[in-house]
Amino acid sequence: MKPLSKATLDFLNRSPKLFINNEWVDSNSSETLPSINPATGEEIFRVAQAGEEDVNRAVHTARTAFNKAVRDMNPSKRALKIQRLADLIENNLEPLSQLECLDNGKPISRAIADVKAAASHLRYFAGWADKIEGSSIPVHSKDILVYTHREPVGVAALIVPWNFPLVMAIWKLAPALACGNCCILKPAEQTSITALYLADLIKEAGFPPGMAQVLTGGGETGALLSHHMDIDKIGFTGSTEVGKKVLEASSKSNLKKVSLELGGKSPNIIFDDADMKRVHQSLVWASFYNSGQECTLGSRVYVHKNKLNEVIDELVKRTSNLSMSSGMENPDLGPLVSAEQADRVMGYINTGRNEAELILGGNRKTGSLSNGYFVEPTIFTTSNHEATILREEIFGPVVNVTSFEDEEEIIAHANNSRYGLASAIWTKDISRAHKLAQRIEAGVVWINGYDLFHPAVPFGGYKESGIGREMGKSALELYTREKAIWTQL
C-alpha cells in the first residue's frame, strides 16, 4: 500500500471551515460533523456544519458576485478558468484520489479514474462556454424580428451524493460555471473532503470571489438551500425520497428551477444469442461495481431460460474471486460508505432471505475487516417479480437473477418499476436490440455493454429516476433560461 502523500496528510490536519467568498471561514455555530474512514470505522476529519446564517451569507455573496462580476464575464474568460481548474485537478491527482479513497472507501484505482474523469468533464464544458447560442425565428412578417437568447439562471445550489463525490460535483459545477452562474456546492456529509480540497483549486484557478463556494453540513443544510428564496436553481443527485422533498421545497418557495438525478433499479437483459464471453466479463462489474453503490447498478439480471444456469454459475464463480479490503490496498471491492448504509443493505438482504433463494454472500465481513462497513457481494434468484429486493433500490452489492422466455415478457418485467434510469440488452440480433431499446422505459439503454459514459452524452432517467439530463449539450438547459426577444422594425 502506497503511503499517503504530504499534501494528503497536510489537508487532513486542517480545521473545519466553510469556503465562502474565496475565504475559509468558521461556521456561525462552530458545530462540526465527523468524516469516517469506512474501511476502519475511524474518524479521519471533521467538517463544519453550515447553518441558516452561513447559507444566507453564501447566497448573498453569490448574488452580489453574479450581479457585479460574473453575469457579464466574457465567455472565453470563463472557459480559460474552467480549463485551468482541470489542469489543477490533474496536477493534484495523488492527494485528491487518496482523500476520495479514504473518505468514500472505494479502491484507489477507481478513485484515480474518478479524478481523471472530473478533469475531462471540465474540459468538455469549457468548450461550451462561448457556444451557448440562441436562434432567430421566422414569424412570417418582414416588419418583425424575433430571436431567442440563453442566459445564466443566476445562483445555483448543487447538492451531490456520496458514491462519486468529486465526479458528481464536477458533473454539476462544469456546466453551471460554463453557462456563467454562481454556484454553491453542498457535498454529502459522509464525503465532503474532496469538495473542500477542490475549493482551494477553484481559488487558485482564478474564479472571482463568490462564483463557486462550498458549504458542508447535513441534510438540514441542503434543506436550507432548497427552500432559499434567493436561489434560482437546485441541481440534486441522491435518493428519490429526498429528491421529492427538494422539488416540494421549490414549490413552497420561489419555484426555483430543479433538476434531479435520482434512484434506479436497472434491468440487465441477456438473450440466449448474446456473446457470452463478453457477458461474463461485464456482468460481475455491472452487478457489483463500487460495491453496488451506483444508481445505474444492474441489480435486476434477466437471463433467457436457455442460458440461466450458465450465467448463474459463471457469475458465482467470478464473484467468489473478488477481493475486499481497504480501498488504499486497491482491492476489487471496498466497504460501503457508512455504518448506516451497511445496516440498510443488510436489512434488505435479510428480507431477501425470506423472498428468494440466496445463492452467494449475504453477510457482513468479519475478521480483519469487522471494524469496517464491508458487506459480501450477494446473489439471489426468484421469479417473484413483486419481491422487495426486485422493487426497491438497495444501493449495495445485491443482485437478483431471473429467467425469461420471450421479448414481450421481458419488456413487461423490465418496465415493471417505478424507476427508469438505465438498462442493458445483450444480443447479437441488432434489429431486436434497437426495437427493444425503443420500448424500455429508461433514460439510458446500453446494447452489448454496461456503464458506458462520456461527457458529451446526456444522462438521466424516466419516471421516479429524475428530471432533466446531465452531461452533453442537454446539461446547458439545466443552467440557463431562454428569453424570446421581439423587435418591431
Protein backbone atom coordinates (compact mmCIF):
# COMPACT_ATOMS: atom_id res chain seq x y z
CA MET A 1 0.00 0.00 0.00
CA LYS A 2 1.44 3.36 -1.05
CA PRO A 3 1.90 5.82 1.84
CA LEU A 4 -0.21 8.95 1.99
CA SER A 5 1.32 11.98 0.31
CA LYS A 6 2.37 15.05 2.28
CA ALA A 7 -0.43 17.05 0.62
CA THR A 8 -2.98 14.47 1.78
CA LEU A 9 -1.68 14.44 5.35
CA ASP A 10 -1.49 18.24 5.49
CA PHE A 11 -5.10 18.52 4.36
CA LEU A 12 -6.33 16.01 6.93
CA ASN A 13 -4.77 18.18 9.66
CA ARG A 14 -6.78 21.24 8.69
CA SER A 15 -9.51 22.66 10.88
CA PRO A 16 -13.16 22.51 9.77
CA LYS A 17 -14.10 25.56 7.70
CA LEU A 18 -16.58 26.71 5.07
CA PHE A 19 -15.46 28.18 1.75
CA ILE A 20 -17.33 31.46 1.23
CA ASN A 21 -16.23 34.42 -0.91
CA ASN A 22 -12.89 32.69 -1.69
CA GLU A 23 -12.09 32.59 2.02
CA TRP A 24 -12.03 29.84 4.64
CA VAL A 25 -14.39 30.85 7.45
CA ASP A 26 -15.82 29.25 10.59
CA SER A 27 -19.47 28.26 10.62
CA ASN A 28 -21.65 30.55 12.67
CA SER A 29 -22.44 27.79 15.17
CA SER A 30 -18.94 26.23 15.20
CA GLU A 31 -20.67 22.83 15.03
CA THR A 32 -18.87 20.05 13.18
CA LEU A 33 -19.56 16.60 11.76
CA PRO A 34 -17.18 13.63 11.61
CA SER A 35 -15.81 12.11 8.42
CA ILE A 36 -15.31 8.39 8.93
CA ASN A 37 -13.00 6.08 7.02
CA PRO A 38 -15.49 3.31 6.13
CA ALA A 39 -12.73 0.72 5.89
CA THR A 40 -11.86 1.10 9.57
CA GLY A 41 -14.75 2.94 11.23
CA GLU A 42 -12.28 5.57 12.46
CA GLU A 43 -12.71 9.33 12.30
CA ILE A 44 -10.24 10.96 9.90
CA PHE A 45 -11.54 14.53 9.61
CA ARG A 46 -14.22 16.91 10.79
CA VAL A 47 -16.30 19.20 8.59
CA ALA A 48 -18.15 22.37 9.50
CA GLN A 49 -21.91 22.34 9.83
CA ALA A 50 -23.36 25.21 7.79
CA GLY A 51 -26.47 26.70 9.36
CA GLU A 52 -29.00 29.30 8.29
CA GLU A 53 -26.67 32.28 8.80
CA ASP A 54 -23.93 30.60 6.79
CA VAL A 55 -26.31 29.73 3.95
CA ASN A 56 -27.64 33.30 3.87
CA ARG A 57 -24.12 34.65 3.75
CA ALA A 58 -23.10 32.36 0.91
CA VAL A 59 -26.23 33.13 -1.10
CA HIS A 60 -25.79 36.89 -0.62
CA THR A 61 -22.16 36.60 -1.68
CA ALA A 62 -23.13 34.60 -4.76
CA ARG A 63 -25.86 37.05 -5.75
CA THR A 64 -23.51 40.01 -5.36
CA ALA A 65 -20.80 38.26 -7.38
CA PHE A 66 -23.25 37.36 -10.11
CA ASN A 67 -24.51 40.91 -10.47
CA LYS A 68 -21.12 42.61 -10.26
CA ALA A 69 -18.58 40.24 -11.80
CA VAL A 70 -19.99 37.05 -13.26
CA ARG A 71 -23.07 37.94 -15.31
CA ASP A 72 -21.06 39.95 -17.83
CA MET A 73 -17.84 37.91 -17.77
CA ASN A 74 -16.52 37.17 -21.24
CA PRO A 75 -17.36 33.52 -22.06
CA SER A 76 -13.83 32.82 -23.27
CA LYS A 77 -12.56 34.01 -19.90
CA ARG A 78 -14.87 31.54 -18.16
CA ALA A 79 -13.56 28.81 -20.44
CA LEU A 80 -9.94 29.57 -19.53
CA LYS A 81 -10.72 29.38 -15.81
CA ILE A 82 -12.51 26.05 -16.23
CA GLN A 83 -9.56 24.70 -18.23
CA ARG A 84 -7.21 25.93 -15.54
CA LEU A 85 -9.27 24.12 -12.89
CA ALA A 86 -8.98 20.91 -14.95
CA ASP A 87 -5.18 21.38 -15.05
CA LEU A 88 -5.06 21.82 -11.28
CA ILE A 89 -7.15 18.72 -10.68
CA GLU A 90 -4.77 16.70 -12.81
CA ASN A 91 -1.79 18.22 -11.00
CA ASN A 92 -3.34 17.17 -7.68
CA LEU A 93 -4.26 13.66 -8.78
CA GLU A 94 -2.50 11.95 -5.87
CA PRO A 95 -4.00 13.86 -2.91
CA LEU A 96 -7.46 14.04 -4.49
CA SER A 97 -7.56 10.30 -5.19
CA GLN A 98 -6.18 9.41 -1.77
CA LEU A 99 -8.68 11.63 0.01
CA GLU A 100 -11.53 10.21 -2.07
CA CYS A 101 -10.38 6.69 -1.26
CA LEU A 102 -10.14 7.34 2.48
CA ASP A 103 -13.41 9.24 2.71
CA ASN A 104 -15.58 7.09 0.44
CA GLY A 105 -13.83 3.70 0.71
CA LYS A 106 -13.55 2.94 -3.00
CA PRO A 107 -10.41 1.24 -4.35
CA ILE A 108 -7.61 3.71 -5.07
CA SER A 109 -7.50 2.79 -8.78
CA ARG A 110 -11.20 3.70 -9.05
CA ALA A 111 -10.58 6.95 -7.20
CA ILE A 112 -7.77 7.82 -9.61
CA ALA A 113 -10.10 7.13 -12.55
CA ASP A 114 -12.73 9.41 -10.99
CA VAL A 115 -10.27 12.29 -10.64
CA LYS A 116 -9.23 11.93 -14.28
CA ALA A 117 -12.87 11.81 -15.34
CA ALA A 118 -13.56 15.02 -13.41
CA ALA A 119 -10.82 16.83 -15.33
CA SER A 120 -12.12 15.51 -18.66
CA HIS A 121 -15.62 16.67 -17.80
CA LEU A 122 -14.37 20.19 -17.08
CA ARG A 123 -12.52 20.32 -20.38
CA TYR A 124 -15.61 19.28 -22.30
CA PHE A 125 -17.77 22.02 -20.79
CA ALA A 126 -15.05 24.64 -21.08
CA GLY A 127 -15.56 24.20 -24.80
CA TRP A 128 -19.24 25.10 -24.48
CA ALA A 129 -18.74 28.37 -22.61
CA ASP A 130 -18.61 30.52 -25.78
CA LYS A 131 -21.06 28.44 -27.81
CA ILE A 132 -24.31 28.94 -25.92
CA GLU A 133 -26.44 30.27 -28.73
CA GLY A 134 -29.97 31.45 -29.35
CA SER A 135 -31.82 31.35 -32.64
CA SER A 136 -33.83 33.60 -34.91
CA ILE A 137 -37.42 32.57 -35.54
CA PRO A 138 -39.34 33.49 -38.70
CA VAL A 139 -42.82 34.76 -37.83
CA HIS A 140 -43.90 35.50 -41.41
CA SER A 141 -43.70 39.25 -41.16
CA LYS A 142 -40.99 41.40 -42.76
CA ASP A 143 -41.57 44.02 -40.08
CA ILE A 144 -40.84 41.80 -37.07
CA LEU A 145 -37.56 40.28 -35.90
CA VAL A 146 -37.75 37.56 -33.26
CA TYR A 147 -34.77 35.85 -31.70
CA THR A 148 -34.03 33.86 -28.57
CA HIS A 149 -31.29 34.38 -26.03
CA ARG A 150 -29.97 31.96 -23.41
CA GLU A 151 -28.72 33.48 -20.19
CA PRO A 152 -27.50 32.00 -16.88
CA VAL A 153 -30.10 31.26 -14.23
CA GLY A 154 -28.09 33.18 -11.61
CA VAL A 155 -27.35 31.44 -8.30
CA ALA A 156 -27.31 27.65 -8.40
CA ALA A 157 -27.10 25.32 -5.39
CA LEU A 158 -25.56 21.98 -6.27
CA ILE A 159 -26.23 19.09 -3.88
CA VAL A 160 -24.19 15.97 -4.60
CA PRO A 161 -24.15 12.39 -3.21
CA TRP A 162 -21.54 10.26 -1.50
CA ASN A 163 -20.98 7.47 -4.04
CA PHE A 164 -18.94 9.53 -6.55
CA PRO A 165 -18.21 12.70 -4.56
CA LEU A 166 -15.74 14.50 -6.82
CA VAL A 167 -17.14 13.38 -10.18
CA MET A 168 -20.71 14.29 -9.24
CA ALA A 169 -19.58 17.70 -8.02
CA ILE A 170 -17.91 18.36 -11.37
CA TRP A 171 -20.90 16.95 -13.31
CA LYS A 172 -22.81 19.92 -11.92
CA LEU A 173 -20.14 22.57 -11.50
CA ALA A 174 -18.76 22.27 -15.03
CA PRO A 175 -21.94 23.17 -16.97
CA ALA A 176 -23.13 25.62 -14.33
CA LEU A 177 -19.87 27.58 -14.46
CA ALA A 178 -19.64 27.33 -18.25
CA CYS A 179 -23.08 28.91 -18.50
CA GLY A 180 -22.00 31.82 -16.27
CA ASN A 181 -23.70 31.03 -12.98
CA CYS A 182 -22.55 31.46 -9.40
CA CYS A 183 -22.57 28.12 -7.59
CA ILE A 184 -22.86 26.88 -4.03
CA LEU A 185 -21.64 23.29 -3.79
CA LYS A 186 -23.09 21.17 -0.99
CA PRO A 187 -21.30 17.80 -0.75
CA ALA A 188 -22.73 14.82 1.11
CA GLU A 189 -22.00 14.94 4.83
CA GLN A 190 -20.32 11.50 4.64
CA THR A 191 -17.88 12.51 1.88
CA SER A 192 -17.08 16.21 1.93
CA ILE A 193 -13.29 16.12 1.89
CA THR A 194 -12.57 16.27 -1.84
CA ALA A 195 -15.07 19.10 -2.31
CA LEU A 196 -13.15 21.09 0.29
CA TYR A 197 -9.84 20.30 -1.40
CA LEU A 198 -11.43 21.36 -4.69
CA ALA A 199 -12.27 24.76 -3.16
CA ASP A 200 -8.59 25.64 -2.90
CA LEU A 201 -8.15 24.74 -6.56
CA ILE A 202 -11.14 26.88 -7.55
CA LYS A 203 -9.49 29.88 -5.89
CA GLU A 204 -6.12 29.08 -7.47
CA ALA A 205 -7.77 28.81 -10.89
CA GLY A 206 -8.77 32.46 -10.63
CA PHE A 207 -12.53 32.29 -10.26
CA PRO A 208 -13.77 35.56 -8.74
CA PRO A 209 -14.92 35.53 -5.10
CA GLY A 210 -18.44 34.17 -4.83
CA MET A 211 -18.56 32.39 -8.18
CA ALA A 212 -18.01 28.96 -6.60
CA GLN A 213 -18.42 28.30 -2.87
CA VAL A 214 -18.54 25.16 -0.73
CA LEU A 215 -20.88 24.64 2.21
CA THR A 216 -20.61 21.42 4.18
CA GLY A 217 -23.21 20.02 6.54
CA GLY A 218 -26.00 17.52 6.94
CA GLY A 219 -29.43 17.31 5.40
CA GLU A 220 -30.57 20.47 7.11
CA THR A 221 -28.03 22.46 5.10
CA GLY A 222 -29.45 21.03 1.88
CA ALA A 223 -32.97 21.84 3.05
CA LEU A 224 -31.99 25.46 3.74
CA LEU A 225 -30.61 25.78 0.22
CA SER A 226 -33.68 24.11 -1.31
CA HIS A 227 -36.07 26.50 0.43
CA HIS A 228 -34.00 29.66 -0.03
CA MET A 229 -35.88 32.45 -1.81
CA ASP A 230 -32.79 33.90 -3.48
CA ILE A 231 -31.51 30.71 -5.09
CA ASP A 232 -32.57 30.30 -8.70
CA LYS A 233 -31.67 26.69 -9.34
CA ILE A 234 -31.17 23.43 -7.43
CA GLY A 235 -29.22 20.60 -9.02
CA PHE A 236 -29.62 17.48 -6.88
CA THR A 237 -28.32 13.92 -7.12
CA GLY A 238 -29.40 11.44 -4.47
CA SER A 239 -32.30 9.29 -3.37
CA THR A 240 -35.76 9.60 -4.90
CA GLU A 241 -37.26 10.29 -1.48
CA VAL A 242 -35.01 13.29 -0.83
CA GLY A 243 -35.38 14.43 -4.44
CA LYS A 244 -39.12 14.70 -3.93
CA LYS A 245 -38.50 16.90 -0.89
CA VAL A 246 -36.25 19.17 -2.96
CA LEU A 247 -38.99 19.50 -5.59
CA GLU A 248 -41.56 20.20 -2.88
CA ALA A 249 -39.31 22.88 -1.40
CA SER A 250 -39.19 24.62 -4.77
CA SER A 251 -42.98 24.64 -4.98
CA LYS A 252 -43.23 26.12 -1.50
CA SER A 253 -40.62 28.83 -2.01
CA ASN A 254 -39.85 30.67 -5.25
CA LEU A 255 -40.46 27.93 -7.84
CA LYS A 256 -36.73 27.72 -8.44
CA LYS A 257 -35.58 25.60 -11.36
CA VAL A 258 -34.90 22.00 -10.26
CA SER A 259 -33.05 19.10 -11.87
CA LEU A 260 -32.98 15.70 -10.20
CA GLU A 261 -30.82 12.64 -10.82
CA LEU A 262 -32.31 10.01 -8.55
CA GLY A 263 -32.52 6.29 -7.93
CA GLY A 264 -32.58 3.31 -10.22
CA LYS A 265 -33.40 -0.38 -10.38
CA SER A 266 -31.89 -1.19 -13.72
CA PRO A 267 -32.69 -4.30 -15.79
CA ASN A 268 -29.73 -6.12 -17.37
CA ILE A 269 -31.25 -8.31 -20.10
CA ILE A 270 -29.31 -11.25 -21.56
CA PHE A 271 -30.68 -13.15 -24.57
CA ASP A 272 -29.54 -16.65 -25.44
CA ASP A 273 -27.77 -15.46 -28.61
CA ALA A 274 -25.57 -12.98 -26.72
CA ASP A 275 -21.78 -13.14 -26.84
CA MET A 276 -21.49 -14.98 -23.55
CA LYS A 277 -17.78 -14.30 -23.13
CA ARG A 278 -18.48 -10.55 -23.15
CA VAL A 279 -21.50 -11.04 -20.91
CA HIS A 280 -19.49 -12.89 -18.26
CA GLN A 281 -16.69 -10.29 -18.35
CA SER A 282 -19.18 -7.45 -17.88
CA LEU A 283 -21.78 -8.92 -15.57
CA VAL A 284 -19.74 -9.06 -12.38
CA TRP A 285 -18.95 -5.35 -12.66
CA ALA A 286 -22.44 -4.37 -13.84
CA SER A 287 -23.63 -6.06 -10.64
CA PHE A 288 -21.04 -5.04 -8.05
CA TYR A 289 -19.01 -2.05 -9.25
CA ASN A 290 -18.31 0.40 -6.41
CA SER A 291 -19.68 -2.23 -4.04
CA GLY A 292 -23.09 -1.76 -5.60
CA GLN A 293 -23.26 1.90 -4.59
CA GLU A 294 -24.21 3.14 -8.03
CA CYS A 295 -27.59 4.34 -9.28
CA THR A 296 -27.15 2.51 -12.61
CA LEU A 297 -26.31 -0.83 -10.98
CA GLY A 298 -27.79 -3.71 -13.00
CA SER A 299 -29.46 -5.17 -9.95
CA ARG A 300 -32.21 -6.93 -11.91
CA VAL A 301 -30.49 -9.51 -14.12
CA TYR A 302 -32.84 -11.17 -16.60
CA VAL A 303 -31.44 -14.18 -18.48
CA HIS A 304 -33.10 -16.22 -21.21
CA LYS A 305 -34.04 -19.59 -19.74
CA ASN A 306 -31.62 -21.39 -22.07
CA LYS A 307 -28.65 -19.59 -20.51
CA LEU A 308 -29.82 -19.16 -16.90
CA ASN A 309 -27.72 -21.89 -15.29
CA GLU A 310 -24.61 -20.93 -17.25
CA VAL A 311 -24.91 -17.27 -16.27
CA ILE A 312 -25.54 -18.03 -12.59
CA ASP A 313 -22.64 -20.47 -12.40
CA GLU A 314 -20.20 -18.06 -14.05
CA LEU A 315 -21.40 -15.07 -12.01
CA VAL A 316 -20.98 -17.03 -8.78
CA LYS A 317 -17.51 -18.17 -9.84
CA ARG A 318 -16.29 -14.69 -10.76
CA THR A 319 -17.94 -13.01 -7.77
CA SER A 320 -16.36 -15.52 -5.37
CA ASN A 321 -12.93 -14.45 -6.61
CA LEU A 322 -13.45 -10.73 -5.91
CA SER A 323 -11.15 -9.30 -3.24
CA MET A 324 -12.38 -6.98 -0.47
CA SER A 325 -10.29 -4.75 1.76
CA SER A 326 -9.38 -1.12 2.44
CA GLY A 327 -9.51 0.98 -0.70
CA MET A 328 -5.89 2.01 -0.23
CA GLU A 329 -4.90 -1.62 -0.82
CA ASN A 330 -6.65 -1.42 -4.22
CA PRO A 331 -8.96 -4.44 -3.89
CA ASP A 332 -11.77 -5.26 -6.30
CA LEU A 333 -14.37 -4.01 -3.81
CA GLY A 334 -14.15 -1.64 -0.87
CA PRO A 335 -16.54 -1.07 2.04
CA LEU A 336 -19.94 0.58 1.97
CA VAL A 337 -19.79 4.25 2.78
CA SER A 338 -21.16 4.19 6.34
CA ALA A 339 -22.46 2.05 9.17
CA GLU A 340 -25.95 3.30 8.35
CA GLN A 341 -25.65 2.15 4.75
CA ALA A 342 -24.25 -1.23 5.75
CA ASP A 343 -27.17 -1.75 8.15
CA ARG A 344 -29.64 -0.69 5.45
CA VAL A 345 -28.22 -3.12 2.91
CA MET A 346 -28.18 -5.97 5.45
CA GLY A 347 -31.82 -5.23 6.16
CA TYR A 348 -32.67 -5.78 2.51
CA ILE A 349 -30.56 -8.94 2.41
CA ASN A 350 -32.39 -10.34 5.42
CA THR A 351 -35.70 -9.53 3.74
CA GLY A 352 -34.43 -11.24 0.61
CA ARG A 353 -33.72 -14.44 2.53
CA ASN A 354 -37.48 -14.75 3.07
CA GLU A 355 -38.41 -13.84 -0.51
CA ALA A 356 -35.82 -15.54 -2.69
CA GLU A 357 -33.15 -18.20 -2.85
CA LEU A 358 -29.78 -16.95 -1.61
CA ILE A 359 -27.06 -18.23 -3.92
CA LEU A 360 -23.99 -16.40 -2.64
CA GLY A 361 -22.92 -13.99 0.09
CA GLY A 362 -25.43 -12.33 2.34
CA ASN A 363 -23.19 -11.48 5.29
CA ARG A 364 -21.06 -8.76 6.83
CA LYS A 365 -17.33 -9.41 6.56
CA THR A 366 -15.68 -10.50 9.78
CA GLY A 367 -12.13 -10.95 10.98
CA SER A 368 -9.69 -8.20 9.99
CA LEU A 369 -12.49 -6.29 8.20
CA SER A 370 -15.02 -6.39 11.03
CA ASN A 371 -14.46 -2.77 12.07
CA GLY A 372 -15.25 -1.53 8.57
CA TYR A 373 -18.53 -1.50 6.69
CA PHE A 374 -17.94 -4.48 4.42
CA VAL A 375 -20.85 -6.47 3.02
CA GLU A 376 -20.27 -9.53 0.85
CA PRO A 377 -21.41 -9.36 -2.78
CA THR A 378 -24.75 -11.12 -2.69
CA ILE A 379 -26.69 -13.03 -5.37
CA PHE A 380 -30.35 -14.04 -5.12
CA THR A 381 -32.72 -15.73 -7.54
CA THR A 382 -36.50 -15.50 -7.52
CA SER A 383 -39.31 -15.40 -10.05
CA ASN A 384 -41.48 -13.32 -7.70
CA HIS A 385 -41.39 -10.01 -9.52
CA GLU A 386 -43.09 -8.24 -6.61
CA ALA A 387 -40.34 -9.19 -4.15
CA THR A 388 -38.88 -6.28 -2.19
CA ILE A 389 -35.37 -6.95 -3.48
CA LEU A 390 -36.70 -6.56 -7.04
CA ARG A 391 -38.76 -3.44 -6.34
CA GLU A 392 -36.62 -1.22 -4.13
CA GLU A 393 -33.21 0.32 -4.72
CA ILE A 394 -30.81 -1.35 -2.30
CA PHE A 395 -27.67 0.62 -3.20
CA GLY A 396 -25.36 -2.16 -2.17
CA PRO A 397 -23.74 -5.30 -3.62
CA VAL A 398 -27.00 -7.21 -4.12
CA VAL A 399 -28.43 -8.58 -7.38
CA ASN A 400 -31.21 -10.95 -8.36
CA VAL A 401 -31.02 -13.26 -11.38
CA THR A 402 -34.30 -14.30 -13.03
CA SER A 403 -35.14 -16.18 -16.23
CA PHE A 404 -37.42 -15.12 -19.08
CA GLU A 405 -38.69 -16.74 -22.30
CA ASP A 406 -39.68 -14.11 -24.89
CA GLU A 407 -39.46 -10.44 -25.79
CA GLU A 408 -42.93 -9.41 -24.65
CA GLU A 409 -42.35 -10.99 -21.25
CA ILE A 410 -39.01 -9.28 -20.69
CA ILE A 411 -40.29 -5.85 -21.72
CA ALA A 412 -43.11 -6.20 -19.19
CA HIS A 413 -40.67 -7.18 -16.45
CA ALA A 414 -38.10 -4.52 -17.37
CA ASN A 415 -40.71 -1.76 -17.21
CA ASN A 416 -42.33 -3.07 -14.03
CA SER A 417 -40.58 -0.50 -11.84
CA ARG A 418 -41.15 3.00 -10.54
CA TYR A 419 -37.62 3.74 -11.70
CA GLY A 420 -36.32 4.26 -15.21
CA LEU A 421 -32.67 5.25 -15.10
CA ALA A 422 -30.56 2.73 -17.03
CA SER A 423 -30.82 -0.64 -18.74
CA ALA A 424 -28.87 -3.04 -20.94
CA ILE A 425 -29.64 -5.51 -23.72
CA TRP A 426 -27.27 -8.31 -24.71
CA THR A 427 -27.95 -9.92 -28.10
CA LYS A 428 -26.32 -10.42 -31.49
CA ASP A 429 -29.64 -9.59 -33.17
CA ILE A 430 -29.10 -5.86 -33.64
CA SER A 431 -32.59 -5.36 -35.05
CA ARG A 432 -34.14 -6.86 -31.91
CA ALA A 433 -31.81 -4.80 -29.73
CA HIS A 434 -32.87 -1.47 -31.24
CA LYS A 435 -36.56 -2.36 -31.27
CA LEU A 436 -36.43 -3.28 -27.58
CA ALA A 437 -34.37 -0.18 -26.76
CA GLN A 438 -37.27 1.93 -28.02
CA ARG A 439 -39.68 0.17 -25.67
CA ILE A 440 -37.66 0.14 -22.47
CA GLU A 441 -38.73 2.96 -20.14
CA ALA A 442 -35.29 4.21 -19.17
CA GLY A 443 -33.18 7.27 -19.94
CA VAL A 444 -30.16 5.14 -20.88
CA VAL A 445 -30.01 1.87 -22.82
CA TRP A 446 -26.69 0.10 -23.35
CA ILE A 447 -26.53 -2.54 -26.08
CA ASN A 448 -23.87 -5.23 -25.60
CA GLY A 449 -22.15 -3.22 -22.90
CA TYR A 450 -22.73 -1.66 -19.48
CA ASP A 451 -21.89 1.56 -17.61
CA LEU A 452 -20.62 3.44 -20.65
CA PHE A 453 -20.27 7.19 -20.06
CA HIS A 454 -18.85 10.20 -21.88
CA PRO A 455 -19.14 13.92 -21.07
CA ALA A 456 -20.82 14.54 -24.45
CA VAL A 457 -23.64 12.01 -23.89
CA PRO A 458 -26.72 13.07 -21.88
CA PHE A 459 -27.53 11.08 -18.75
CA GLY A 460 -30.73 10.97 -16.72
CA GLY A 461 -33.85 8.96 -16.02
CA TYR A 462 -37.53 8.45 -16.64
CA LYS A 463 -40.28 8.16 -14.04
CA GLU A 464 -39.02 8.41 -10.43
CA SER A 465 -35.39 8.35 -11.56
CA GLY A 466 -35.31 12.07 -12.11
CA ILE A 467 -35.94 15.25 -14.05
CA GLY A 468 -33.53 16.65 -16.63
CA ARG A 469 -30.33 15.43 -18.26
CA GLU A 470 -26.78 15.89 -17.07
CA MET A 471 -23.77 15.87 -19.37
CA GLY A 472 -23.71 16.74 -23.04
CA LYS A 473 -25.37 19.74 -24.64
CA SER A 474 -28.56 18.87 -22.75
CA ALA A 475 -26.93 19.98 -19.47
CA LEU A 476 -26.78 23.56 -20.73
CA GLU A 477 -30.57 23.70 -20.49
CA LEU A 478 -30.35 22.96 -16.76
CA TYR A 479 -28.28 26.07 -16.04
CA THR A 480 -29.70 28.60 -18.49
CA ARG A 481 -33.08 30.16 -19.17
CA GLU A 482 -34.40 31.08 -22.57
CA LYS A 483 -35.69 34.53 -23.45
CA ALA A 484 -37.63 35.45 -26.58
CA ILE A 485 -36.95 38.99 -27.87
CA TRP A 486 -39.40 40.64 -30.29
CA THR A 487 -38.47 43.68 -32.33
CA GLN A 488 -40.95 45.72 -34.36
CA LEU A 489 -38.88 47.05 -37.26
